[in-house]
């Protein structure tokens, strides 16, 4: 099979590219090749003689982008092959069960002759390696300390999730080229862009280890959780200095940077100790050490302040945290909450706002922990019980969420948030009439409460009461002119009343505000199909799938139209 250099695209039949010298690998699939009757290769991302990684598209999902990892079995002996296959399949079942916003979802896996394949969610964004290289071209050096610490804490959260699995899932290849800054969410993702079947052979220790990022125990005895801690420490060194860590010489950060946040060098020294026993025991310990750096407030020290002064300073930081939450700056909000807790560990608002920040990041379990602390400090805080209910509901604990909302109402009978929460829970349970009653109770207390108008409009839509749904959705849009979800619902209410021009107008307005809104494209496809414009309908449905490859309704409509065209 012809080979193509993953670096420059030159075709070659040699192990190394004649143009750029990059390793070409064996049996690289060329762009345009289809596998498993579903995935079309676009280009090679990385290649070795034991595996390849490709950028591809999923033809069943309208050309949605994905990443395909191909493991080659031909080049290991038979004994190792059977061992590798067993370990490979065990790990696939584990990987396919992982769900964390910082990890790509494993969507499919299959085999083809002597090749094993994994299909993962494609990650759009820039690697940390690329970010630093771009900065160096612009004459800049490493990143500022607080940004690196914040990213370090975010990566610790991902590794902590992996290490909590049973058995612990060791990432093994933590390095800047495998960490993406996701462009759509400004969130880091840990992505292994290597495919080497030998990594599943227990006797091949450290086979995927990269000098400078891998500790000695990974090279000799095999990786363990503290190996990932070491690698992450080296990643932070790279981000701070812009230089790859030297595997032979240990360079102190302070010899390269003189503007480091106090204590940061000591933390990185600990995590990059050669002996695993001298590092932090867990990723949680590492994360907490970095969090403490962010609350360091030299030269002021808390022990010389009076209690009322401490509380006043803590309240100021909590108020700043709330401002940052309103601005959707979650990292800064967390930093300010931690500063507040440094001065006053018993400040309820700091725990409450920290819970809000965690909940916005999708870390419901950590939010529950903070809300529980807030309730312990102020048991009669209706607000804390409401937010606890929301976090519990996000964890799937419906009965506990209902109980917390009812507690909030017993403390504050006119609490519209608790009423709205209960309405939403009952609507999700299929109890639309009960949901309607809760929303109406909330609006009787506050007629301008946007969330209740929105949810009541959605409930009426589900009940087939389209005029009432349009009325509530119109009220929502009037109060919140950029609420695209309300506009989608308003359009559907118009559609069911036969007001097709208004339906189109609503969805076009949605796309002005949110150009990649899959539902709006799908809705425009529906109206185009109803009007007999099949080409426009196909174009809209395909665009919907490009925006969201889980839009099964759009996929169904594409197949239906294509079948009708074939029959004609």
Protein backbone atom coordinates (compact mmCIF):
# COMPACT_ATOMS: atom_id res chain seq x y z
CA UNK A 1 0.00 0.00 0.00
CA UNK A 2 1.35 3.47 -0.91
CA UNK A 3 2.63 5.59 1.95
CA UNK A 4 2.29 9.32 2.43
CA UNK A 5 4.38 11.52 4.70
CA UNK A 6 2.19 12.88 7.53
CA UNK A 7 4.38 15.99 7.70
CA UNK A 8 4.52 17.28 4.10
CA UNK A 9 2.24 14.93 2.12
CA UNK A 10 4.97 13.52 -0.16
CA UNK A 11 4.29 9.95 -1.32
CA UNK A 12 7.08 7.48 -0.62
CA UNK A 13 7.93 3.79 -0.43
CA UNK A 14 10.69 4.38 2.12
CA UNK A 15 10.66 4.48 5.93
CA UNK A 16 11.58 8.19 5.91
CA UNK A 17 10.35 10.98 3.66
CA UNK A 18 12.86 12.03 0.97
CA UNK A 19 11.59 15.62 1.09
CA UNK A 20 11.44 16.43 4.83
CA UNK A 21 12.98 13.39 6.56
CA UNK A 22 9.89 12.69 8.68
CA UNK A 23 9.09 9.06 9.58
CA UNK A 24 6.53 7.85 7.07
CA UNK A 25 5.41 4.64 8.76
CA UNK A 26 3.90 1.61 7.10
CA UNK A 27 0.64 1.14 5.27
CA UNK A 28 -0.64 4.68 5.66
CA UNK A 29 -4.14 5.12 4.22
CA UNK A 30 -4.35 7.81 1.56
CA UNK A 31 -6.90 10.62 1.63
CA UNK A 32 -10.24 9.56 0.15
CA UNK A 33 -9.99 5.92 1.26
CA UNK A 34 -13.17 4.65 2.97
CA UNK A 35 -13.09 2.12 5.82
CA UNK A 36 -15.86 0.17 7.53
CA UNK A 37 -18.25 1.52 4.89
CA UNK A 38 -18.59 4.66 6.96
CA UNK A 39 -15.39 6.66 7.53
CA UNK A 40 -13.52 8.54 4.79
CA UNK A 41 -9.88 9.41 5.46
CA UNK A 42 -9.04 13.11 4.98
CA UNK A 43 -5.37 13.28 6.02
CA UNK A 44 -2.76 11.66 8.26
CA UNK A 45 -2.16 13.32 11.63
CA UNK A 46 0.66 11.05 12.85
CA UNK A 47 2.31 7.86 11.64
CA UNK A 48 4.66 5.17 12.94
CA UNK A 49 5.35 1.62 11.81
CA UNK A 50 2.99 0.33 14.53
CA UNK A 51 0.02 2.62 13.99
CA UNK A 52 -1.44 5.72 12.36
CA UNK A 53 -3.85 8.49 13.32
CA UNK A 54 -6.09 10.12 10.73
CA UNK A 55 -8.43 13.04 10.40
CA UNK A 56 -11.59 11.63 8.85
CA UNK A 57 -15.28 12.27 8.24
CA UNK A 58 -18.27 10.13 9.22
CA UNK A 59 -20.32 9.58 6.06
CA UNK A 60 -23.36 8.36 8.02
CA UNK A 61 -23.47 11.67 9.89
CA UNK A 62 -23.31 13.97 6.92
CA UNK A 63 -19.54 14.25 6.81
CA UNK A 64 -19.10 15.08 10.49
CA UNK A 65 -15.39 15.29 11.38
CA UNK A 66 -13.82 12.58 13.56
CA UNK A 67 -10.41 11.15 14.45
CA UNK A 68 -9.51 7.55 13.52
CA UNK A 69 -6.69 5.70 15.27
CA UNK A 70 -5.35 2.68 13.39
CA UNK A 71 -3.26 0.05 15.20
CA UNK A 72 -1.17 -2.30 13.04
CA UNK A 73 -0.63 -5.85 14.27
CA UNK A 74 1.61 -7.16 11.48
CA UNK A 75 4.81 -5.91 13.01
CA UNK A 76 4.73 -7.58 16.42
CA UNK A 77 5.22 -11.31 16.97
CA UNK A 78 2.31 -13.71 17.41
CA UNK A 79 2.63 -14.08 21.20
CA UNK A 80 2.66 -10.32 21.71
CA UNK A 81 -0.19 -9.92 19.23
CA UNK A 82 -2.68 -12.03 21.20
CA UNK A 83 -1.61 -10.33 24.43
CA UNK A 84 -1.97 -6.88 22.87
CA UNK A 85 -5.42 -7.65 21.46
CA UNK A 86 -6.70 -8.74 24.86
CA UNK A 87 -5.39 -5.60 26.56
CA UNK A 88 -6.55 -3.43 23.65
CA UNK A 89 -10.15 -4.62 23.92
CA UNK A 90 -10.15 -4.24 27.70
CA UNK A 91 -8.96 -0.67 27.36
CA UNK A 92 -11.46 0.12 24.61
CA UNK A 93 -14.37 -0.82 26.87
CA UNK A 94 -12.93 1.43 29.57
CA UNK A 95 -12.30 4.36 27.21
CA UNK A 96 -15.78 4.13 25.69
CA UNK A 97 -17.30 4.52 29.17
CA UNK A 98 -15.37 7.71 30.01
CA UNK A 99 -17.35 10.95 30.05
CA UNK A 100 -15.50 14.14 30.94
CA UNK A 101 -15.58 17.50 29.14
CA UNK A 102 -11.77 17.40 28.99
CA UNK A 103 -11.63 14.06 27.13
CA UNK A 104 -12.77 13.20 23.57
CA UNK A 105 -15.64 10.72 23.36
CA UNK A 106 -14.84 7.29 21.88
CA UNK A 107 -17.63 6.81 19.32
CA UNK A 108 -16.81 3.50 17.61
CA UNK A 109 -14.25 0.72 17.32
CA UNK A 110 -13.83 -2.14 14.84
CA UNK A 111 -11.21 -4.37 13.23
CA UNK A 112 -10.22 -4.99 9.64
CA UNK A 113 -7.86 -7.90 9.00
CA UNK A 114 -4.69 -7.19 10.99
CA UNK A 115 -5.73 -3.65 11.92
CA UNK A 116 -7.65 -2.38 14.92
CA UNK A 117 -9.49 0.94 14.79
CA UNK A 118 -10.80 3.46 17.32
CA UNK A 119 -13.00 6.37 16.23
CA UNK A 120 -12.99 9.41 18.49
CA UNK A 121 -14.64 12.80 18.60
CA UNK A 122 -12.64 15.31 16.56
CA UNK A 123 -11.25 18.18 18.62
CA UNK A 124 -11.15 21.60 16.96
CA UNK A 125 -8.58 23.91 18.44
CA UNK A 126 -4.88 24.53 18.90
CA UNK A 127 -2.42 22.39 20.85
CA UNK A 128 -0.42 23.95 23.65
CA UNK A 129 2.68 23.01 21.63
CA UNK A 130 1.40 25.07 18.71
CA UNK A 131 0.46 28.00 20.95
CA UNK A 132 3.98 28.24 22.39
CA UNK A 133 5.62 27.81 18.97
CA UNK A 134 3.43 30.59 17.56
CA UNK A 135 4.33 32.87 20.47
CA UNK A 136 8.04 32.21 19.93
CA UNK A 137 7.71 33.23 16.28
CA UNK A 138 6.14 36.47 17.51
CA UNK A 139 9.15 37.08 19.76
CA UNK A 140 7.33 36.12 22.97
CA UNK A 141 8.46 33.62 25.60
CA UNK A 142 6.46 31.61 28.09
CA UNK A 143 2.96 32.32 29.39
CA UNK A 144 2.18 34.31 32.53
CA UNK A 145 2.24 32.35 35.79
CA UNK A 146 -1.45 32.66 36.67
CA UNK A 147 -2.56 31.40 33.24
CA UNK A 148 -0.24 28.37 33.55
CA UNK A 149 -1.47 27.65 37.08
CA UNK A 150 -5.11 27.89 35.97
CA UNK A 151 -4.45 25.51 33.07
CA UNK A 152 -2.54 23.20 35.40
CA UNK A 153 -5.55 23.03 37.74
CA UNK A 154 -7.82 22.29 34.77
CA UNK A 155 -5.55 19.47 33.57
CA UNK A 156 -5.35 18.07 37.11
CA UNK A 157 -9.14 17.82 37.10
CA UNK A 158 -8.99 15.66 33.95
CA UNK A 159 -6.21 13.43 35.29
CA UNK A 160 -7.95 13.11 38.64
CA UNK A 161 -11.05 11.79 36.84
CA UNK A 162 -8.92 9.25 34.92
CA UNK A 163 -7.08 8.10 38.04
CA UNK A 164 -10.38 7.58 39.90
CA UNK A 165 -11.39 4.83 37.46
CA UNK A 166 -11.19 1.21 38.60
CA UNK A 167 -8.52 0.27 37.72
CA UNK A 168 -6.89 3.73 37.45
CA UNK A 169 -6.57 4.94 33.85
CA UNK A 170 -3.02 6.26 33.35
CA UNK A 171 -2.75 8.66 30.40
CA UNK A 172 1.01 7.94 29.94
CA UNK A 173 1.60 10.54 27.20
CA UNK A 174 0.86 13.89 28.86
CA UNK A 175 2.70 16.42 26.71
CA UNK A 176 1.93 19.80 25.06
CA UNK A 177 1.20 18.25 21.65
CA UNK A 178 -1.58 16.16 23.23
CA UNK A 179 -3.34 19.04 24.99
CA UNK A 180 -5.80 21.09 22.93
CA UNK A 181 -7.32 24.45 23.74
CA UNK A 182 -10.79 23.80 22.35
CA UNK A 183 -11.70 26.81 20.23
CA UNK A 184 -15.47 26.65 20.77
CA UNK A 185 -15.40 26.51 24.59
CA UNK A 186 -11.99 27.88 25.63
CA UNK A 187 -11.49 24.61 27.50
CA UNK A 188 -8.48 22.29 27.58
CA UNK A 189 -8.80 18.73 26.30
CA UNK A 190 -6.37 15.85 26.75
CA UNK A 191 -6.11 13.88 23.50
CA UNK A 192 -3.74 10.99 22.75
CA UNK A 193 -2.79 11.45 19.09
CA UNK A 194 -0.61 8.35 18.91
CA UNK A 195 -1.43 4.81 17.85
CA UNK A 196 1.16 2.20 18.83
CA UNK A 197 -0.06 -1.36 19.33
CA UNK A 198 3.05 -2.13 21.42
CA UNK A 199 1.67 0.10 24.20
CA UNK A 200 -0.79 -2.73 24.94
CA UNK A 201 1.99 -5.30 25.45
CA UNK A 202 2.84 -5.36 29.19
CA UNK A 203 6.45 -6.36 28.55
CA UNK A 204 7.05 -3.26 26.42
CA UNK A 205 7.48 -0.72 29.23
CA UNK A 206 7.70 2.95 28.34
CA UNK A 207 7.32 2.28 24.63
CA UNK A 208 5.33 5.49 24.04
CA UNK A 209 7.28 7.55 26.57
CA UNK A 210 8.82 10.78 25.34
CA UNK A 211 12.19 11.88 26.73
CA UNK A 212 11.83 14.96 28.87
CA UNK A 213 8.21 14.21 29.80
CA UNK A 214 8.46 10.60 31.02
CA UNK A 215 9.89 9.75 34.47
CA UNK A 216 12.33 6.89 34.87
CA UNK A 217 9.78 4.52 36.45
CA UNK A 218 7.68 4.75 33.28
CA UNK A 219 10.68 3.80 31.18
CA UNK A 220 11.59 0.80 33.32
CA UNK A 221 8.87 -0.47 35.66
CA UNK A 222 5.84 0.94 33.85
CA UNK A 223 3.60 3.98 34.32
CA UNK A 224 1.63 4.70 37.49
CA UNK A 225 -0.51 7.73 38.52
CA UNK A 226 2.52 9.72 39.71
CA UNK A 227 4.03 9.31 36.22
CA UNK A 228 1.24 11.53 34.87
CA UNK A 229 1.95 14.02 37.69
CA UNK A 230 5.60 14.20 36.60
CA UNK A 231 4.66 14.70 32.95
CA UNK A 232 2.19 17.46 33.80
CA UNK A 233 4.90 19.23 35.80
CA UNK A 234 7.14 19.14 32.74
CA UNK A 235 4.29 20.50 30.60
CA UNK A 236 3.94 23.46 32.98
CA UNK A 237 7.72 24.02 32.75
CA UNK A 238 7.40 24.13 28.95
CA UNK A 239 4.50 26.60 29.10
CA UNK A 240 6.40 28.89 31.47
CA UNK A 241 9.72 28.84 29.61
CA UNK A 242 8.86 28.04 26.00
CA UNK A 243 11.63 25.44 26.06
CA UNK A 244 11.37 21.66 25.90
CA UNK A 245 12.47 20.01 29.18
CA UNK A 246 15.97 18.52 29.01
CA UNK A 247 15.87 14.79 29.86
CA UNK A 248 19.48 14.86 31.06
CA UNK A 249 19.86 18.21 32.86
CA UNK A 250 17.44 19.59 35.43
CA UNK A 251 17.04 23.32 34.87
CA UNK A 252 15.59 25.50 37.62
CA UNK A 253 12.70 27.71 36.60
CA UNK A 254 14.12 30.73 38.40
CA UNK A 255 17.18 30.62 36.14
CA UNK A 256 14.88 31.22 33.16
CA UNK A 257 12.06 33.33 34.62
CA UNK A 258 12.36 35.97 37.33
CA UNK A 259 8.67 36.96 37.42
CA UNK A 260 7.15 33.69 38.67
CA UNK A 261 4.35 33.68 41.21
CA UNK A 262 5.81 32.93 44.62
CA UNK A 263 5.84 29.21 45.40
CA UNK A 264 5.30 28.01 41.81
CA UNK A 265 8.89 26.87 41.32
CA UNK A 266 8.74 24.81 44.52
CA UNK A 267 5.54 23.04 43.40
CA UNK A 268 7.03 22.16 40.00
CA UNK A 269 10.24 20.98 41.68
CA UNK A 270 8.17 18.57 43.81
CA UNK A 271 6.16 17.09 40.96
CA UNK A 272 9.21 16.60 38.75
CA UNK A 273 11.30 14.78 41.36
CA UNK A 274 13.07 11.77 39.83
CA UNK A 275 11.87 9.47 42.61
CA UNK A 276 8.09 8.95 42.49
CA UNK A 277 7.90 8.72 46.31
CA UNK A 278 9.07 12.34 46.60
CA UNK A 279 6.30 13.74 44.39
CA UNK A 280 2.78 14.57 45.49
CA UNK A 281 0.93 11.36 46.26
CA UNK A 282 -2.11 12.14 44.11
CA UNK A 283 -3.20 14.57 41.41
CA UNK A 284 -5.61 16.04 43.96
CA UNK A 285 -2.64 17.02 46.15
CA UNK A 286 -1.00 18.64 43.12
CA UNK A 287 -4.18 20.56 42.25
CA UNK A 288 -4.63 21.80 45.81
CA UNK A 289 -1.01 22.99 45.94
CA UNK A 290 -1.55 25.08 42.80
CA UNK A 291 -4.88 26.40 44.09
CA UNK A 292 -3.09 27.64 47.21
CA UNK A 293 -0.68 29.57 44.99
CA UNK A 294 -3.55 31.54 43.50
CA UNK A 295 -4.78 32.67 46.92
CA UNK A 296 -1.32 33.83 48.03
CA UNK A 297 -1.68 37.55 48.83
CA UNK A 298 1.77 38.81 49.81
CA UNK A 299 2.80 40.96 51.58
CA UNK A 300 -0.45 40.98 53.58
CA UNK A 301 -0.78 38.00 55.94
CA UNK A 302 -3.99 36.98 57.62
CA UNK A 303 -2.61 36.48 61.11
CA UNK A 304 -1.95 40.21 61.65
CA UNK A 305 -5.50 41.21 60.69
CA UNK A 306 -8.41 41.53 63.08
CA UNK A 307 -11.37 39.20 62.55
CA UNK A 308 -13.65 41.95 61.24
CA UNK A 309 -10.93 43.06 58.80
CA UNK A 310 -10.51 39.50 57.55
CA UNK A 311 -14.24 39.19 56.99
CA UNK A 312 -14.40 42.50 55.16
CA UNK A 313 -11.55 41.49 52.84
CA UNK A 314 -13.17 38.09 52.28
CA UNK A 315 -16.49 39.73 51.36
CA UNK A 316 -14.74 41.98 48.84
CA UNK A 317 -13.21 38.97 47.12
CA UNK A 318 -16.56 37.16 47.15
CA UNK A 319 -18.25 40.19 45.56
CA UNK A 320 -15.54 40.20 42.86
CA UNK A 321 -16.19 36.51 42.30
CA UNK A 322 -19.88 37.20 41.71
CA UNK A 323 -18.99 39.91 39.19
CA UNK A 324 -16.73 37.48 37.34
CA UNK A 325 -19.51 34.86 37.32
CA UNK A 326 -21.82 37.39 35.65
CA UNK A 327 -19.07 37.98 33.08
CA UNK A 328 -18.70 34.19 32.56
CA UNK A 329 -15.04 34.41 33.65
CA UNK A 330 -15.02 31.18 35.64
CA UNK A 331 -11.27 30.96 36.30
CA UNK A 332 -11.19 34.45 37.85
CA UNK A 333 -14.32 33.69 39.88
CA UNK A 334 -12.72 30.58 41.36
CA UNK A 335 -9.56 32.51 42.15
CA UNK A 336 -11.50 35.23 43.99
CA UNK A 337 -13.53 32.67 45.95
CA UNK A 338 -10.35 30.96 47.09
CA UNK A 339 -8.91 34.30 48.16
CA UNK A 340 -12.06 34.99 50.15
CA UNK A 341 -11.79 31.62 51.90
CA UNK A 342 -8.17 32.31 52.76
CA UNK A 343 -9.30 35.28 54.87
CA UNK A 344 -12.55 33.79 56.13
CA UNK A 345 -13.07 30.02 55.66
CA UNK A 346 -16.60 30.32 57.07
CA UNK A 347 -17.90 32.91 54.58
CA UNK A 348 -21.04 31.31 53.17
CA UNK A 349 -21.11 33.43 49.99
CA UNK A 350 -17.63 32.26 48.99
CA UNK A 351 -18.67 28.60 49.17
CA UNK A 352 -21.92 29.41 47.37
CA UNK A 353 -20.22 31.23 44.48
CA UNK A 354 -17.54 28.56 44.23
CA UNK A 355 -20.37 26.05 43.84
CA UNK A 356 -21.83 28.22 41.05
CA UNK A 357 -18.46 28.26 39.27
CA UNK A 358 -18.06 24.48 39.49
CA UNK A 359 -21.61 23.97 38.27
CA UNK A 360 -20.99 26.21 35.25
CA UNK A 361 -17.92 24.09 34.46
CA UNK A 362 -20.02 20.91 34.60
CA UNK A 363 -18.40 19.68 37.83
CA UNK A 364 -21.65 18.96 39.66
CA UNK A 365 -20.11 16.73 42.35
CA UNK A 366 -17.69 19.48 43.40
CA UNK A 367 -20.55 22.00 43.33
CA UNK A 368 -22.56 19.79 45.69
CA UNK A 369 -19.63 19.71 48.10
CA UNK A 370 -19.50 23.53 48.18
CA UNK A 371 -23.27 23.97 48.45
CA UNK A 372 -23.32 21.48 51.32
CA UNK A 373 -20.74 23.62 53.11
CA UNK A 374 -22.79 26.77 52.45
CA UNK A 375 -25.91 25.11 53.88
CA UNK A 376 -23.95 23.94 56.93
CA UNK A 377 -22.94 27.56 57.54
CA UNK A 378 -26.43 28.99 56.87
CA UNK A 379 -29.06 26.21 57.07
CA UNK A 380 -31.90 28.67 56.38
CA UNK A 381 -30.45 29.97 53.12
CA UNK A 382 -33.16 29.28 50.57
CA UNK A 383 -30.74 30.26 47.78
CA UNK A 384 -28.19 27.64 48.85
CA UNK A 385 -30.86 24.90 48.91
CA UNK A 386 -32.04 25.93 45.41
CA UNK A 387 -28.57 25.67 43.96
CA UNK A 388 -27.91 22.40 45.75
CA UNK A 389 -31.06 21.09 44.08
CA UNK A 390 -29.77 22.08 40.64
CA UNK A 391 -26.41 20.38 41.21
CA UNK A 392 -28.08 17.21 42.51
CA UNK A 393 -30.39 17.15 39.50
CA UNK A 394 -27.39 17.44 37.16
CA UNK A 395 -26.00 14.33 38.87
CA UNK A 396 -29.26 12.46 38.18
CA UNK A 397 -30.39 12.52 41.84
CA UNK A 398 -33.97 13.57 41.09
CA UNK A 399 -35.62 12.76 44.44
CA UNK A 400 -32.89 14.58 46.35
CA UNK A 401 -33.26 17.58 44.04
CA UNK A 402 -37.02 17.73 44.64
CA UNK A 403 -36.47 17.56 48.40
CA UNK A 404 -33.95 20.45 48.32
CA UNK A 405 -36.33 22.63 46.28
CA UNK A 406 -39.17 21.89 48.68
CA UNK A 407 -36.90 22.82 51.58
CA UNK A 408 -36.13 26.11 49.81
CA UNK A 409 -39.86 26.80 49.45
CA UNK A 410 -40.53 25.99 53.10
CA UNK A 411 -37.92 28.61 54.02
CA UNK A 412 -39.10 31.13 51.41
CA UNK A 413 -42.58 30.40 49.97
CA UNK A 414 -42.18 33.10 47.27
CA UNK A 415 -38.92 31.65 45.94
CA UNK A 416 -39.50 31.74 42.17
CA UNK A 417 -36.24 29.88 41.43
CA UNK A 418 -37.35 26.87 43.49
CA UNK A 419 -40.77 26.90 41.80
CA UNK A 420 -39.13 27.06 38.38
CA UNK A 421 -36.76 24.23 39.31
CA UNK A 422 -39.65 22.03 40.42
CA UNK A 423 -41.48 22.82 37.19
CA UNK A 424 -38.48 21.77 35.13
CA UNK A 425 -38.03 18.54 37.07
CA UNK A 426 -41.69 17.60 36.62
CA UNK A 427 -41.58 18.47 32.92
CA UNK A 428 -38.54 16.18 32.47
CA UNK A 429 -40.52 13.47 34.29
CA UNK A 430 -43.32 13.85 31.72
CA UNK A 431 -45.67 15.55 34.19
CA UNK A 432 -46.50 18.56 32.03
CA UNK A 433 -49.63 19.67 33.93
CA UNK A 434 -47.77 19.75 37.27
CA UNK A 435 -44.90 21.60 35.57
CA UNK A 436 -47.32 24.17 34.15
CA UNK A 437 -48.72 24.80 37.63
CA UNK A 438 -45.27 25.43 39.12
CA UNK A 439 -44.34 27.88 36.34
CA UNK A 440 -47.64 29.73 36.70
CA UNK A 441 -47.08 30.02 40.46
CA UNK A 442 -43.65 31.53 39.81
CA UNK A 443 -45.09 34.05 37.32
CA UNK A 444 -47.88 34.99 39.71
CA UNK A 445 -45.10 36.12 42.09
CA UNK A 446 -42.86 37.73 39.43
CA UNK A 447 -44.52 38.36 36.07
CA UNK A 448 -41.16 39.26 34.45
CA UNK A 449 -39.32 36.10 35.52
CA UNK A 450 -37.79 35.11 32.17
CA UNK A 451 -36.91 31.49 33.01
CA UNK A 452 -40.51 30.70 33.95
CA UNK A 453 -41.87 32.32 30.76
CA UNK A 454 -39.41 30.29 28.69
CA UNK A 455 -40.20 27.00 30.41
CA UNK A 456 -43.94 27.59 30.34
CA UNK A 457 -43.72 28.29 26.61
CA UNK A 458 -41.83 25.03 26.13
CA UNK A 459 -44.41 23.14 28.21
CA UNK A 460 -47.32 24.57 26.20
CA UNK A 461 -45.47 23.56 23.02
CA UNK A 462 -45.21 19.98 24.28
CA UNK A 463 -48.93 20.02 25.19
CA UNK A 464 -49.89 21.23 21.69
CA UNK A 465 -51.19 24.57 22.99
CA UNK A 466 -49.40 26.56 20.29
CA UNK A 467 -51.00 30.01 20.69
CA UNK A 468 -50.19 30.01 24.41
CA UNK A 469 -46.69 28.73 23.67
CA UNK A 470 -46.12 31.58 21.20
CA UNK A 471 -47.35 34.10 23.79
CA UNK A 472 -44.91 32.88 26.46
CA UNK A 473 -42.01 32.62 24.00
CA UNK A 474 -42.71 36.14 22.73
CA UNK A 475 -42.58 37.38 26.32
CA UNK A 476 -39.25 35.57 26.80
CA UNK A 477 -37.72 37.15 23.70
CA UNK A 478 -39.05 40.56 24.71
CA UNK A 479 -37.26 40.25 28.08
CA UNK A 480 -34.18 38.52 26.64
CA UNK A 481 -33.71 39.47 22.95
CA UNK A 482 -30.69 37.15 22.44
CA UNK A 483 -32.31 33.99 23.83
CA UNK A 484 -31.94 31.71 20.80
CA UNK A 485 -33.67 28.79 22.55
CA UNK A 486 -36.80 30.87 23.02
CA UNK A 487 -36.64 31.95 19.36
CA UNK A 488 -36.46 28.31 18.26
CA UNK A 489 -39.52 27.50 20.39
CA UNK A 490 -41.35 30.59 19.11
CA UNK A 491 -40.67 29.52 15.54
CA UNK A 492 -42.06 26.04 16.21
CA UNK A 493 -45.20 27.52 17.77
CA UNK A 494 -45.68 29.68 14.63
CA UNK A 495 -45.05 26.65 12.38
CA UNK A 496 -47.79 24.63 14.03
CA UNK A 497 -50.17 27.56 13.59
CA UNK A 498 -49.37 27.66 9.86
CA UNK A 499 -47.42 30.93 10.15
CA UNK A 500 -44.53 29.72 8.00
CA UNK A 501 -43.08 33.15 7.19
CA UNK A 502 -42.72 33.91 10.89
CA UNK A 503 -41.22 30.43 11.41
CA UNK A 504 -38.51 31.17 8.82
CA UNK A 505 -37.93 34.64 10.26
CA UNK A 506 -37.34 33.23 13.77
CA UNK A 507 -34.79 30.68 12.56
CA UNK A 508 -32.95 33.21 10.42
CA UNK A 509 -32.73 35.48 13.46
CA UNK A 510 -31.28 32.56 15.44
CA UNK A 511 -28.56 32.06 12.80
CA UNK A 512 -27.69 35.77 12.92
CA UNK A 513 -27.02 35.39 16.65
CA UNK A 514 -25.58 31.86 16.53
CA UNK A 515 -24.32 30.94 13.03
CA UNK A 516 -23.72 27.25 13.91
CA UNK A 517 -27.12 26.51 15.43
CA UNK A 518 -28.00 23.05 14.12
CA UNK A 519 -31.68 23.23 15.15
CA UNK A 520 -32.22 26.40 13.12
CA UNK A 521 -30.71 24.81 10.00
CA UNK A 522 -32.80 21.70 10.55
CA UNK A 523 -35.97 23.80 10.86
CA UNK A 524 -35.15 25.68 7.65
CA UNK A 525 -34.68 22.31 5.98
CA UNK A 526 -38.14 21.22 7.16
CA UNK A 527 -39.84 24.29 5.68
CA UNK A 528 -37.88 24.00 2.41
CA UNK A 529 -38.97 20.36 2.10
CA UNK A 530 -42.58 21.28 2.83
CA UNK A 531 -42.40 23.87 0.04
CA UNK A 532 -40.97 21.31 -2.41
CA UNK A 533 -37.47 22.84 -2.60
CA UNK A 534 -35.56 19.59 -2.07
CA UNK A 535 -32.09 20.95 -2.90
CA UNK A 536 -32.45 23.74 -0.36
CA UNK A 537 -33.77 21.22 2.16
CA UNK A 538 -30.78 18.90 1.61
CA UNK A 539 -28.37 21.80 1.93
CA UNK A 540 -29.95 22.89 5.23
CA UNK A 541 -30.06 19.38 6.70
CA UNK A 542 -26.41 18.75 5.78
CA UNK A 543 -25.42 22.06 7.33
CA UNK A 544 -27.27 21.02 10.52
CA UNK A 545 -25.23 17.80 10.66
CA UNK A 546 -21.98 19.70 10.18
CA UNK A 547 -22.90 21.85 13.18
CA UNK A 548 -24.05 18.90 15.30
CA UNK A 549 -23.37 15.35 14.13
CA UNK A 550 -25.93 13.97 16.61
CA UNK A 551 -28.88 15.52 14.73
CA UNK A 552 -30.51 12.20 13.84
CA UNK A 553 -33.64 13.92 12.54
CA UNK A 554 -31.58 15.75 9.90
CA UNK A 555 -29.87 12.49 8.94
CA UNK A 556 -33.27 10.78 8.61
CA UNK A 557 -34.57 13.59 6.39
CA UNK A 558 -31.50 13.44 4.14
CA UNK A 559 -31.99 9.70 3.62
CA UNK A 560 -35.71 10.20 2.97
CA UNK A 561 -35.10 12.87 0.32
CA UNK A 562 -32.31 10.87 -1.34
CA UNK A 563 -34.55 7.76 -1.44
CA UNK A 564 -37.36 9.78 -3.02
CA UNK A 565 -34.99 11.19 -5.63
CA UNK A 566 -33.69 7.71 -6.47
CA UNK A 567 -37.24 6.40 -6.90
CA UNK A 568 -37.98 9.19 -9.35
